[in-house]
C-alpha atoms as a PDB file:
ATOM      1  CA  MET A   1     -40.591 -33.159   7.347  1.00  0.00           C
ATOM      2  CA  SER A   2     -40.586 -30.354   4.790  1.00  0.00           C
ATOM      3  CA  ASP A   3     -40.725 -26.670   5.603  1.00  0.00           C
ATOM      4  CA  PRO A   4     -44.232 -25.228   5.741  1.00  0.00           C
ATOM      5  CA  VAL A   5     -45.223 -23.208   2.716  1.00  0.00           C
ATOM      6  CA  LYS A   6     -45.558 -19.505   3.464  1.00  0.00           C
ATOM      7  CA  PRO A   7     -48.863 -18.021   2.351  1.00  0.00           C
ATOM      8  CA  PRO A   8     -48.676 -15.357  -0.354  1.00  0.00           C
ATOM      9  CA  ARG A   9     -48.256 -11.750   0.723  1.00  0.00           C
ATOM     10  CA  SER A  10     -51.490  -9.932   1.352  1.00  0.00           C
ATOM     11  CA  ALA A  11     -51.870  -6.176   1.689  1.00  0.00           C
ATOM     12  CA  PHE A  12     -55.142  -6.753   3.563  1.00  0.00           C
ATOM     13  CA  TRP A  13     -53.427  -9.099   6.055  1.00  0.00           C
ATOM     14  CA  ASP A  14     -50.557  -6.631   6.512  1.00  0.00           C
ATOM     15  CA  PHE A  15     -53.122  -3.872   7.159  1.00  0.00           C
ATOM     16  CA  THR A  16     -54.897  -6.077   9.709  1.00  0.00           C
ATOM     17  CA  LEU A  17     -51.688  -6.866  11.559  1.00  0.00           C
ATOM     18  CA  SER A  18     -50.805  -3.165  11.652  1.00  0.00           C
ATOM     19  CA  ILE A  19     -54.017  -2.147  13.414  1.00  0.00           C
ATOM     20  CA  TYR A  20     -55.158  -5.267  15.311  1.00  0.00           C
ATOM     21  CA  SER A  21     -52.669  -4.805  18.130  1.00  0.00           C
ATOM     22  CA  ARG A  22     -53.436  -1.113  18.640  1.00  0.00           C
ATOM     23  CA  GLU A  23     -54.949  -0.229  21.985  1.00  0.00           C
ATOM     24  CA  GLY A  24     -58.485  -1.517  22.361  1.00  0.00           C
ATOM     25  CA  VAL A  25     -58.902  -2.766  18.770  1.00  0.00           C
ATOM     26  CA  SER A  26     -58.822  -6.526  19.382  1.00  0.00           C
ATOM     27  CA  PRO A  27     -61.270  -6.522  22.323  1.00  0.00           C
ATOM     28  CA  ALA A  28     -63.610  -4.147  20.476  1.00  0.00           C
ATOM     29  CA  LEU A  29     -63.677  -6.311  17.348  1.00  0.00           C
ATOM     30  CA  ILE A  30     -64.196  -9.522  19.302  1.00  0.00           C
ATOM     31  CA  ALA A  31     -67.008  -7.911  21.323  1.00  0.00           C
ATOM     32  CA  LEU A  32     -68.720  -6.827  18.085  1.00  0.00           C
ATOM     33  CA  GLN A  33     -68.350 -10.372  16.765  1.00  0.00           C
ATOM     34  CA  ASP A  34     -69.749 -11.946  19.911  1.00  0.00           C
ATOM     35  CA  ARG A  35     -72.565  -9.447  20.595  1.00  0.00           C
ATOM     36  CA  LEU A  36     -73.780  -8.744  17.062  1.00  0.00           C
ATOM     37  CA  GLY A  37     -72.595 -11.789  15.138  1.00  0.00           C
ATOM     38  CA  LEU A  38     -70.452  -9.613  12.866  1.00  0.00           C
ATOM     39  CA  ASP A  39     -67.474 -11.048  11.026  1.00  0.00           C
ATOM     40  CA  VAL A  40     -64.255  -9.393  12.224  1.00  0.00           C
ATOM     41  CA  ASN A  41     -62.765  -9.764   8.744  1.00  0.00           C
ATOM     42  CA  PHE A  42     -65.698  -7.834   7.273  1.00  0.00           C
ATOM     43  CA  LEU A  43     -65.212  -5.026   9.778  1.00  0.00           C
ATOM     44  CA  LEU A  44     -61.544  -4.968   8.861  1.00  0.00           C
ATOM     45  CA  VAL A  45     -62.203  -5.052   5.111  1.00  0.00           C
ATOM     46  CA  CYS A  46     -64.404  -1.983   5.522  1.00  0.00           C
ATOM     47  CA  LEU A  47     -61.412  -0.158   6.984  1.00  0.00           C
ATOM     48  CA  TYR A  48     -58.916  -1.640   4.541  1.00  0.00           C
ATOM     49  CA  ALA A  49     -60.987  -0.686   1.508  1.00  0.00           C
ATOM     50  CA  ALA A  50     -61.322   2.889   2.807  1.00  0.00           C
ATOM     51  CA  SER A  51     -57.569   3.015   3.402  1.00  0.00           C
ATOM     52  CA  GLN A  52     -57.299   2.413  -0.357  1.00  0.00           C
ATOM     53  CA  GLY A  53     -60.004   4.951  -1.211  1.00  0.00           C
ATOM     54  CA  SER A  54     -62.670   2.317  -1.985  1.00  0.00           C
ATOM     55  CA  LYS A  55     -66.355   2.489  -1.156  1.00  0.00           C
ATOM     56  CA  LEU A  56     -68.086  -0.826  -0.433  1.00  0.00           C
ATOM     57  CA  ALA A  57     -71.770  -1.446  -1.131  1.00  0.00           C
ATOM     58  CA  GLY A  58     -74.240  -4.293  -0.775  1.00  0.00           C
ATOM     59  CA  ALA A  59     -73.097  -6.068  -3.943  1.00  0.00           C
ATOM     60  CA  ASP A  60     -69.506  -5.947  -2.683  1.00  0.00           C
ATOM     61  CA  PHE A  61     -70.512  -7.474   0.657  1.00  0.00           C
ATOM     62  CA  ALA A  62     -72.450 -10.233  -1.116  1.00  0.00           C
ATOM     63  CA  ARG A  63     -69.424 -11.032  -3.294  1.00  0.00           C
ATOM     64  CA  LEU A  64     -67.135 -11.040  -0.240  1.00  0.00           C
ATOM     65  CA  GLU A  65     -69.597 -13.247   1.641  1.00  0.00           C
ATOM     66  CA  ASP A  66     -69.491 -15.789  -1.193  1.00  0.00           C
ATOM     67  CA  ALA A  67     -65.732 -16.010  -0.679  1.00  0.00           C
ATOM     68  CA  ALA A  68     -65.828 -16.015   3.122  1.00  0.00           C
ATOM     69  CA  ALA A  69     -68.809 -18.204   4.021  1.00  0.00           C
ATOM     70  CA  PRO A  70     -67.336 -21.637   3.183  1.00  0.00           C
ATOM     71  CA  LEU A  71     -64.129 -20.865   5.086  1.00  0.00           C
ATOM     72  CA  ARG A  72     -66.007 -19.492   8.074  1.00  0.00           C
ATOM     73  CA  LYS A  73     -68.433 -22.447   8.200  1.00  0.00           C
ATOM     74  CA  ASN A  74     -66.010 -25.300   7.543  1.00  0.00           C
ATOM     75  CA  LEU A  75     -62.752 -24.045   9.002  1.00  0.00           C
ATOM     76  CA  ILE A  76     -62.795 -20.906  11.169  1.00  0.00           C
ATOM     77  CA  HIS A  77     -65.877 -21.561  13.285  1.00  0.00           C
ATOM     78  CA  PRO A  78     -65.014 -25.221  13.984  1.00  0.00           C
ATOM     79  CA  LEU A  79     -61.487 -24.231  15.045  1.00  0.00           C
ATOM     80  CA  ARG A  80     -62.870 -21.431  17.235  1.00  0.00           C
ATOM     81  CA  GLN A  81     -65.310 -23.858  18.840  1.00  0.00           C
ATOM     82  CA  VAL A  82     -62.511 -26.337  19.622  1.00  0.00           C
ATOM     83  CA  ARG A  83     -60.242 -23.585  20.986  1.00  0.00           C
ATOM     84  CA  ARG A  84     -62.994 -22.195  23.243  1.00  0.00           C
ATOM     85  CA  TRP A  85     -63.938 -25.678  24.422  1.00  0.00           C
ATOM     86  CA  LEU A  86     -60.309 -26.418  25.301  1.00  0.00           C
ATOM     87  CA  LYS A  87     -60.143 -23.211  27.312  1.00  0.00           C
ATOM     88  CA  GLU A  88     -63.358 -23.918  29.240  1.00  0.00           C
ATOM     89  CA  GLN A  89     -63.289 -27.716  29.513  1.00  0.00           C
ATOM     90  CA  SER A  90     -62.652 -29.621  32.723  1.00  0.00           C
ATOM     91  CA  ALA A  91     -62.089 -33.108  31.289  1.00  0.00           C
ATOM     92  CA  VAL A  92     -58.290 -32.779  31.434  1.00  0.00           C
ATOM     93  CA  ALA A  93     -55.883 -30.578  33.313  1.00  0.00           C
ATOM     94  CA  LYS A  94     -55.457 -27.076  31.934  1.00  0.00           C
ATOM     95  CA  GLU A  95     -51.701 -27.646  31.614  1.00  0.00           C
ATOM     96  CA  SER A  96     -52.367 -30.620  29.341  1.00  0.00           C
ATOM     97  CA  ALA A  97     -54.943 -28.846  27.180  1.00  0.00           C
ATOM     98  CA  ASP A  98     -53.130 -25.486  26.825  1.00  0.00           C
ATOM     99  CA  PRO A  99     -50.511 -26.579  24.268  1.00  0.00           C
ATOM    100  CA  ILE A 100     -53.249 -27.973  22.046  1.00  0.00           C
ATOM    101  CA  ARG A 101     -55.378 -24.855  22.552  1.00  0.00           C
ATOM    102  CA  ARG A 102     -52.439 -22.641  21.524  1.00  0.00           C
ATOM    103  CA  ALA A 103     -51.837 -24.790  18.435  1.00  0.00           C
ATOM    104  CA  VAL A 104     -55.520 -24.559  17.492  1.00  0.00           C
ATOM    105  CA  LEU A 105     -55.378 -20.782  18.030  1.00  0.00           C
ATOM    106  CA  ALA A 106     -52.437 -20.561  15.626  1.00  0.00           C
ATOM    107  CA  GLN A 107     -54.433 -22.509  13.024  1.00  0.00           C
ATOM    108  CA  GLU A 108     -57.492 -20.336  13.637  1.00  0.00           C
ATOM    109  CA  ILE A 109     -55.393 -17.210  12.986  1.00  0.00           C
ATOM    110  CA  GLU A 110     -53.974 -18.765   9.814  1.00  0.00           C
ATOM    111  CA  SER A 111     -57.501 -19.618   8.667  1.00  0.00           C
ATOM    112  CA  GLU A 112     -58.557 -15.987   9.261  1.00  0.00           C
ATOM    113  CA  GLY A 113     -55.670 -14.973   6.998  1.00  0.00           C
ATOM    114  CA  LEU A 114     -56.875 -17.455   4.402  1.00  0.00           C
ATOM    115  CA  GLN A 115     -60.342 -15.891   4.541  1.00  0.00           C
ATOM    116  CA  GLN A 116     -58.818 -12.446   4.154  1.00  0.00           C
ATOM    117  CA  ARG A 117     -56.829 -13.506   1.080  1.00  0.00           C
ATOM    118  CA  ALA A 118     -60.003 -14.972  -0.452  1.00  0.00           C
ATOM    119  CA  MET A 119     -61.843 -11.716   0.254  1.00  0.00           C
ATOM    120  CA  GLU A 120     -58.986  -9.567  -1.029  1.00  0.00           C
ATOM    121  CA  ALA A 121     -59.054 -11.463  -4.324  1.00  0.00           C
ATOM    122  CA  ARG A 122     -62.664 -10.301  -4.788  1.00  0.00           C
ATOM    123  CA  LEU A 123     -62.038  -6.637  -3.932  1.00  0.00           C
ATOM    124  CA  THR A 124     -61.856  -4.016  -6.626  1.00  0.00           C
ATOM    125  CA  PRO A 125     -58.583  -2.199  -5.990  1.00  0.00           C
ATOM    126  CA  GLY A 126     -58.966   1.402  -4.913  1.00  0.00           C
ATOM    127  CA  SER A 127     -56.895   4.270  -6.143  1.00  0.00           C
ATOM    128  CA  GLY A 128     -57.797   7.014  -3.702  1.00  0.00           C
ATOM    129  CA  ALA A 129     -56.439   8.261  -0.425  1.00  0.00           C
ATOM    130  CA  ALA A 130     -57.282   6.860   2.998  1.00  0.00           C
ATOM    131  CA  ASP A 131     -60.490   8.469   4.181  1.00  0.00           C
ATOM    132  CA  LEU A 132     -62.123   8.360   7.636  1.00  0.00           C
ATOM    133  CA  ALA A 133     -65.565   9.309   6.286  1.00  0.00           C
ATOM    134  CA  LEU A 134     -65.334   6.587   3.636  1.00  0.00           C
ATOM    135  CA  ALA A 135     -64.392   4.041   6.315  1.00  0.00           C
ATOM    136  CA  ALA A 136     -67.325   5.116   8.499  1.00  0.00           C
ATOM    137  CA  GLY A 137     -69.599   4.759   5.481  1.00  0.00           C
ATOM    138  CA  ASN A 138     -68.248   1.297   4.688  1.00  0.00           C
ATOM    139  CA  LEU A 139     -68.851   0.208   8.288  1.00  0.00           C
ATOM    140  CA  ALA A 140     -72.375   1.663   8.275  1.00  0.00           C
ATOM    141  CA  ARG A 141     -73.212  -0.065   4.990  1.00  0.00           C
ATOM    142  CA  TYR A 142     -71.870  -3.360   6.366  1.00  0.00           C
ATOM    143  CA  LEU A 143     -74.031  -2.959   9.483  1.00  0.00           C
ATOM    144  CA  ALA A 144     -77.069  -2.304   7.285  1.00  0.00           C
ATOM    145  CA  TRP A 145     -76.223  -5.204   4.960  1.00  0.00           C
ATOM    146  CA  SER A 146     -75.798  -7.575   7.910  1.00  0.00           C
ATOM    147  CA  LYS A 147     -78.961  -6.215   9.593  1.00  0.00           C
ATOM    148  CA  ALA A 148     -77.029  -5.493  12.790  1.00  0.00           C
ATOM    149  CA  ALA A 149     -78.470  -3.033  15.285  1.00  0.00           C
ATOM    150  CA  PRO A 150     -75.506  -1.718  17.266  1.00  0.00           C
ATOM    151  CA  ALA A 151     -76.217  -0.466  20.775  1.00  0.00           C
ATOM    152  CA  ALA A 152     -74.293   2.457  22.266  1.00  0.00           C
ATOM    153  CA  ALA A 153     -71.466   0.193  23.500  1.00  0.00           C
ATOM    154  CA  ASP A 154     -71.175  -1.325  20.025  1.00  0.00           C
ATOM    155  CA  ARG A 155     -70.972   2.130  18.438  1.00  0.00           C
ATOM    156  CA  ASP A 156     -68.300   3.061  20.946  1.00  0.00           C
ATOM    157  CA  GLY A 157     -66.329  -0.021  19.913  1.00  0.00           C
ATOM    158  CA  LEU A 158     -66.746   0.772  16.217  1.00  0.00           C
ATOM    159  CA  ALA A 159     -65.660   4.379  16.806  1.00  0.00           C
ATOM    160  CA  LEU A 160     -62.599   3.227  18.749  1.00  0.00           C
ATOM    161  CA  VAL A 161     -61.548   0.863  15.954  1.00  0.00           C
ATOM    162  CA  LEU A 162     -62.189   3.552  13.348  1.00  0.00           C
ATOM    163  CA  ALA A 163     -60.150   6.109  15.306  1.00  0.00           C
ATOM    164  CA  GLN A 164     -57.261   3.706  15.840  1.00  0.00           C
ATOM    165  CA  ALA A 165     -57.198   2.619  12.197  1.00  0.00           C
ATOM    166  CA  PHE A 166     -57.132   6.171  10.853  1.00  0.00           C
ATOM    167  CA  GLY A 167     -55.210   7.960  13.605  1.00  0.00           C
ATOM    168  CA  GLU A 168     -58.156  10.167  14.522  1.00  0.00           C
ATOM    169  CA  ARG A 169     -59.681  11.237  17.804  1.00  0.00           C
ATOM    170  CA  ALA A 170     -62.453   8.974  19.070  1.00  0.00           C
ATOM    171  CA  GLU A 171     -64.953  11.882  19.089  1.00  0.00           C
ATOM    172  CA  ALA A 172     -64.311  12.639  15.401  1.00  0.00           C
ATOM    173  CA  ALA A 173     -64.619   8.962  14.513  1.00  0.00           C
ATOM    174  CA  ARG A 174     -67.861   8.629  16.507  1.00  0.00           C
ATOM    175  CA  SER A 175     -69.339  11.687  14.770  1.00  0.00           C
ATOM    176  CA  ARG A 176     -68.453  10.353  11.313  1.00  0.00           C
ATOM    177  CA  LEU A 177     -69.835   6.940  12.235  1.00  0.00           C
ATOM    178  CA  GLU A 178     -73.159   8.333  13.498  1.00  0.00           C
ATOM    179  CA  THR A 179     -73.559  10.410  10.328  1.00  0.00           C
ATOM    180  CA  ALA A 180     -72.772   7.379   8.162  1.00  0.00           C
ATOM    181  CA  ILE A 181     -75.205   5.125  10.069  1.00  0.00           C
ATOM    182  CA  ALA A 182     -77.978   7.698   9.632  1.00  0.00           C
ATOM    183  CA  GLU A 183     -77.193   7.919   5.893  1.00  0.00           C
ATOM    184  CA  ALA A 184     -77.153   4.131   5.496  1.00  0.00           C
ATOM    185  CA  ARG A 185     -80.620   3.890   7.061  1.00  0.00           C
ATOM    186  CA  LYS A 186     -82.187   6.278   4.555  1.00  0.00           C
ATOM    187  CA  PRO A 187     -84.181   4.548   1.822  1.00  0.00           C
ATOM    188  CA  ASN A 188     -82.556   4.724  -1.613  1.00  0.00           C
END
């Protein structure tokens, strides 16, 4: 058997790995995915783009969605469904299903990385400095584009992720986020 081919380096993936394990980030992102139907990779690309000084708008999200949708539909979601079924199923002993579930999880994570590389290829590289307000704006524009209506708990989760990604206090991140959400709701 030959050695597996390593995927190409990805600055977006490296960024994701650097913040995903920070306190509270993973559960907050997964809760936003499950409650609002948001794509975790889109939330992360909002932060990544702002870390590069880039503002994202509706046309950017549409372009990124064109890259992400086939992977999400045909690869990521089916793997997630299998992994969750294996965790909850009662047809076989948990000890028998767990190794398969872990293997499926590893493939699901790899497929998320594949989606991120496809999205990164469609991003216009930024040349500015990392900016909390820009990140809050990107998140707010993504929420508006996706027609998500975040409740207070969702906004808390977004503020936590924003604060962790940019090394800010949660209160400052929440304030920037609320301002950005209000701006994104204004008619153009």
